Amino acid sequence: QVQLVESGGGLVQPGGSLRLSCAASGFTLDYYAIGWFRQAPGKEREGVACISFSDGSTFYTDSVKGRFTISRDSAKNTVYLQMNSLKPEEAAVYYCAADPPERSPWGCRGLAPDYFASWGQGTQVTVSS
């Protein structure tokens, strides 16, 4: 059974940092594309970053470039999202999701939620003073 579990969310002050984790179980992340998304109340789910697990290539939405870093640990079957210089408007539930290799043989296809078949339950990030 494919399962993704996010952790690491919490309350942080504006300008602060958090590192989110996405642990996979029931399958190996090798050759998957893994994406991070966020959804604030009343807003659509937004793609933030993606990593191709096979070669580590990454893709970011413009608003987080230079501040967020997506990375992977093959031994732990885990993907991370390091978030620096957080802004209040980035408060949201953050989700990770997996795009399987049969659908993404060349890695990340983009940040459209429809590309991703398996989703975690999300972790809340609050940015407030």
Foldseek 3Di string as FASTA:
>chain_A
DWAWAKDWADEAAQQAKIKMKIAIPPDALAQKKKWKWWDAPPDDIWTAKIAGRNPGDIDGDPVQPPFWDWGDDRVRSMIMIIGGRDDQVRWGWMKMFIQHCVQVVPYDPDRDPVNGDGIHPTDTHGYHD
